[in-house]
Amino acid sequence: MRGRKESCGKWCVRTFCKQHNYQLKKGTRMPAPCRVCGVGVQCDYRLCRGCGGKTVNQRLMWKRKKAKKDFELVLLELKSTQLEK
């Protein structure tokens, strides 16, 4: 809220605090509220650490690693079949 010095933990509505006004001027993305507790977060899955966001992040990283490994294997297979022809 306006007039406060500490940064707010929730998404501001209509009137923005000093920190969020500065972020808007810089062009940064505004924090969205956590789906469970309402604390402002920047991630796409909208969960803070306390509500399980860390677990979701670790799962996403694991899936990205697996997809990258699978892509490399498929690419190698395609290259080897092209060389045989």
Protein backbone atom coordinates (compact mmCIF):
# COMPACT_ATOMS: atom_id res chain seq x y z
CA MET A 1 0.00 0.00 0.00
CA ARG A 2 1.11 3.57 -0.49
CA GLY A 3 2.95 5.25 2.38
CA ARG A 4 4.63 2.11 3.67
CA LYS A 5 8.35 1.46 3.54
CA GLU A 6 8.38 -2.36 3.60
CA SER A 7 7.65 -4.35 0.46
CA CYS A 8 4.22 -5.87 0.37
CA GLY A 9 3.75 -9.63 0.26
CA LYS A 10 0.58 -9.64 -1.83
CA TRP A 11 -0.35 -8.41 -5.27
CA CYS A 12 -1.38 -4.76 -5.12
CA VAL A 13 -4.78 -3.83 -6.52
CA ARG A 14 -5.40 -0.50 -8.34
CA THR A 15 -2.93 1.54 -6.25
CA PHE A 16 0.64 0.37 -6.41
CA CYS A 17 3.31 0.69 -3.75
CA LYS A 18 6.60 2.47 -4.44
CA GLN A 19 8.42 -0.78 -5.23
CA HIS A 20 5.81 -1.95 -7.74
CA ASN A 21 5.62 1.49 -9.42
CA TYR A 22 9.40 1.33 -9.91
CA GLN A 23 9.15 -2.19 -11.32
CA LEU A 24 6.42 -1.12 -13.75
CA LYS A 25 8.56 1.75 -15.02
CA LYS A 26 11.51 -0.63 -15.56
CA GLY A 27 9.27 -3.02 -17.51
CA THR A 28 9.56 -5.97 -15.16
CA ARG A 29 6.79 -8.48 -14.77
CA MET A 30 4.46 -7.91 -11.84
CA PRO A 31 4.25 -10.66 -9.23
CA ALA A 32 1.17 -12.84 -9.41
CA PRO A 33 -0.44 -14.13 -6.21
CA CYS A 34 0.32 -17.65 -5.01
CA ARG A 35 -2.64 -19.95 -5.63
CA VAL A 36 -2.68 -21.08 -2.01
CA CYS A 37 -1.62 -18.23 0.27
CA GLY A 38 -1.67 -15.11 -1.95
CA VAL A 39 1.99 -14.08 -1.55
CA GLY A 40 3.38 -12.49 -4.71
CA VAL A 41 5.51 -14.83 -6.86
CA GLN A 42 7.20 -14.47 -10.27
CA CYS A 43 7.02 -18.08 -11.49
CA ASP A 44 4.55 -19.43 -14.05
CA TYR A 45 3.18 -22.19 -11.82
CA ARG A 46 2.20 -19.57 -9.18
CA LEU A 47 3.24 -21.40 -6.01
CA CYS A 48 5.55 -20.00 -3.33
CA ARG A 49 8.20 -22.17 -1.67
CA GLY A 50 6.08 -22.75 1.43
CA CYS A 51 3.14 -24.02 -0.63
CA GLY A 52 5.14 -26.55 -2.68
CA GLY A 53 6.70 -24.39 -5.40
CA LYS A 54 10.16 -25.84 -4.79
CA THR A 55 8.89 -29.37 -5.46
CA VAL A 56 7.17 -28.28 -8.66
CA ASN A 57 10.34 -26.51 -9.80
CA GLN A 58 12.46 -29.63 -9.17
CA ARG A 59 9.99 -31.77 -11.15
CA LEU A 60 10.07 -29.33 -14.06
CA MET A 61 13.89 -29.35 -14.08
CA TRP A 62 13.90 -33.16 -14.06
CA LYS A 63 11.45 -33.29 -16.99
CA ARG A 64 13.53 -30.77 -18.97
CA LYS A 65 16.70 -32.82 -18.42
CA LYS A 66 14.93 -36.00 -19.52
CA ALA A 67 13.48 -34.32 -22.61
CA LYS A 68 16.91 -32.95 -23.56
CA LYS A 69 18.47 -36.41 -23.19
CA ASP A 70 15.69 -38.03 -25.26
CA PHE A 71 16.06 -35.37 -27.95
CA GLU A 72 19.79 -36.02 -28.22
CA LEU A 73 19.19 -39.77 -28.54
CA VAL A 74 16.60 -39.28 -31.29
CA LEU A 75 18.91 -36.86 -33.10
CA LEU A 76 21.76 -39.40 -33.01
CA GLU A 77 19.45 -42.10 -34.32
CA LEU A 78 18.29 -39.89 -37.18
CA LYS A 79 21.87 -39.04 -38.11
CA SER A 80 22.90 -42.69 -38.10
CA THR A 81 19.96 -43.71 -40.34
CA GLN A 82 20.81 -40.92 -42.79
CA LEU A 83 24.44 -42.08 -42.99
CA GLU A 84 23.37 -45.65 -43.79
CA LYS A 85 21.40 -44.55 -46.84
